[in-house]
Amino acid sequence: MKEREVEAKRLVGKKQVRGKVYEYEYYTLPLNLYIPKSMVEKFGKKYTLQVDEDTGTITIKPRNG
């Protein structure tokens, strides 16, 4: 099992619908993993990413302190 420390990256997207431009923000981790904004607001931007190569399971845990 591989384990590493990662930080969520804030991205701002723009979408045009019927002539109006809408902006939205979202957070991603390495390996193109989406992380909900509510989770970033609750636990912060730093996480521990565990990848189990045998089963293909990815676990994301908030980093303490």
C-alpha atoms as a PDB file:
ATOM      1  CA  MET A   1       0.000   0.000   0.000  1.00  0.00           C
ATOM      2  CA  LYS A   2       1.366   3.403  -0.994  1.00  0.00           C
ATOM      3  CA  GLU A   3       0.658   6.424   1.173  1.00  0.00           C
ATOM      4  CA  ARG A   4       1.435  10.081   0.473  1.00  0.00           C
ATOM      5  CA  GLU A   5       0.573  13.552   1.683  1.00  0.00           C
ATOM      6  CA  VAL A   6      -1.396  15.671  -0.828  1.00  0.00           C
ATOM      7  CA  GLU A   7      -3.021  19.099  -0.954  1.00  0.00           C
ATOM      8  CA  ALA A   8      -6.320  19.962  -2.626  1.00  0.00           C
ATOM      9  CA  LYS A   9      -6.125  22.416  -5.516  1.00  0.00           C
ATOM     10  CA  ARG A  10      -8.883  25.011  -6.000  1.00  0.00           C
ATOM     11  CA  LEU A  11     -10.045  25.402  -9.591  1.00  0.00           C
ATOM     12  CA  VAL A  12     -12.541  27.882 -11.043  1.00  0.00           C
ATOM     13  CA  GLY A  13     -14.607  26.805 -14.018  1.00  0.00           C
ATOM     14  CA  LYS A  14     -16.709  28.852 -16.392  1.00  0.00           C
ATOM     15  CA  LYS A  15     -19.704  27.681 -18.356  1.00  0.00           C
ATOM     16  CA  GLN A  16     -21.800  29.575 -20.861  1.00  0.00           C
ATOM     17  CA  VAL A  17     -25.522  28.757 -20.943  1.00  0.00           C
ATOM     18  CA  ARG A  18     -27.926  30.688 -23.188  1.00  0.00           C
ATOM     19  CA  GLY A  19     -25.650  33.725 -23.359  1.00  0.00           C
ATOM     20  CA  LYS A  20     -24.943  33.898 -19.597  1.00  0.00           C
ATOM     21  CA  VAL A  21     -21.559  32.980 -18.142  1.00  0.00           C
ATOM     22  CA  TYR A  22     -21.617  31.055 -14.870  1.00  0.00           C
ATOM     23  CA  GLU A  23     -18.578  30.547 -12.635  1.00  0.00           C
ATOM     24  CA  TYR A  24     -18.162  27.676 -10.225  1.00  0.00           C
ATOM     25  CA  GLU A  25     -15.345  26.421  -8.036  1.00  0.00           C
ATOM     26  CA  TYR A  26     -14.279  22.910  -7.235  1.00  0.00           C
ATOM     27  CA  TYR A  27     -11.368  21.090  -5.631  1.00  0.00           C
ATOM     28  CA  THR A  28      -9.206  18.268  -6.957  1.00  0.00           C
ATOM     29  CA  LEU A  29      -6.447  16.036  -5.650  1.00  0.00           C
ATOM     30  CA  PRO A  30      -3.672  14.332  -7.617  1.00  0.00           C
ATOM     31  CA  LEU A  31      -4.822  11.365  -9.753  1.00  0.00           C
ATOM     32  CA  ASN A  32      -7.710  13.587 -10.985  1.00  0.00           C
ATOM     33  CA  LEU A  33      -9.801  12.922  -7.880  1.00  0.00           C
ATOM     34  CA  TYR A  34     -12.665  15.328  -7.178  1.00  0.00           C
ATOM     35  CA  ILE A  35     -13.161  16.309  -3.545  1.00  0.00           C
ATOM     36  CA  PRO A  36     -16.378  18.028  -2.396  1.00  0.00           C
ATOM     37  CA  LYS A  37     -16.160  21.689  -1.374  1.00  0.00           C
ATOM     38  CA  SER A  38     -17.908  20.891   1.917  1.00  0.00           C
ATOM     39  CA  MET A  39     -15.121  18.452   2.828  1.00  0.00           C
ATOM     40  CA  VAL A  40     -12.454  21.097   2.153  1.00  0.00           C
ATOM     41  CA  GLU A  41     -14.385  23.633   4.253  1.00  0.00           C
ATOM     42  CA  LYS A  42     -14.693  21.146   7.127  1.00  0.00           C
ATOM     43  CA  PHE A  43     -11.212  19.526   7.180  1.00  0.00           C
ATOM     44  CA  GLY A  44      -8.947  21.915   5.252  1.00  0.00           C
ATOM     45  CA  LYS A  45      -6.845  21.357   2.121  1.00  0.00           C
ATOM     46  CA  LYS A  46      -4.309  18.784   3.377  1.00  0.00           C
ATOM     47  CA  TYR A  47      -5.057  15.052   3.082  1.00  0.00           C
ATOM     48  CA  THR A  48      -3.415  11.644   3.188  1.00  0.00           C
ATOM     49  CA  LEU A  49      -3.933   9.558   0.055  1.00  0.00           C
ATOM     50  CA  GLN A  50      -3.639   5.760   0.399  1.00  0.00           C
ATOM     51  CA  VAL A  51      -3.553   3.581  -2.726  1.00  0.00           C
ATOM     52  CA  ASP A  52      -3.899  -0.193  -2.347  1.00  0.00           C
ATOM     53  CA  GLU A  53      -2.447  -1.601  -5.569  1.00  0.00           C
ATOM     54  CA  ASP A  54      -3.714  -5.145  -4.936  1.00  0.00           C
ATOM     55  CA  THR A  55      -7.412  -4.240  -4.706  1.00  0.00           C
ATOM     56  CA  GLY A  56      -7.311  -0.909  -6.569  1.00  0.00           C
ATOM     57  CA  THR A  57      -8.813   0.943  -3.588  1.00  0.00           C
ATOM     58  CA  ILE A  58      -8.058   4.636  -3.020  1.00  0.00           C
ATOM     59  CA  THR A  59      -8.655   6.073   0.464  1.00  0.00           C
ATOM     60  CA  ILE A  60      -8.634   9.796   1.266  1.00  0.00           C
ATOM     61  CA  LYS A  61      -8.209  10.829   4.906  1.00  0.00           C
ATOM     62  CA  PRO A  62      -7.886  14.347   6.360  1.00  0.00           C
ATOM     63  CA  ARG A  63      -4.450  15.074   7.763  1.00  0.00           C
ATOM     64  CA  ASN A  64      -4.469  15.771  11.507  1.00  0.00           C
ATOM     65  CA  GLY A  65      -2.933  19.030  12.666  1.00  0.00           C
END
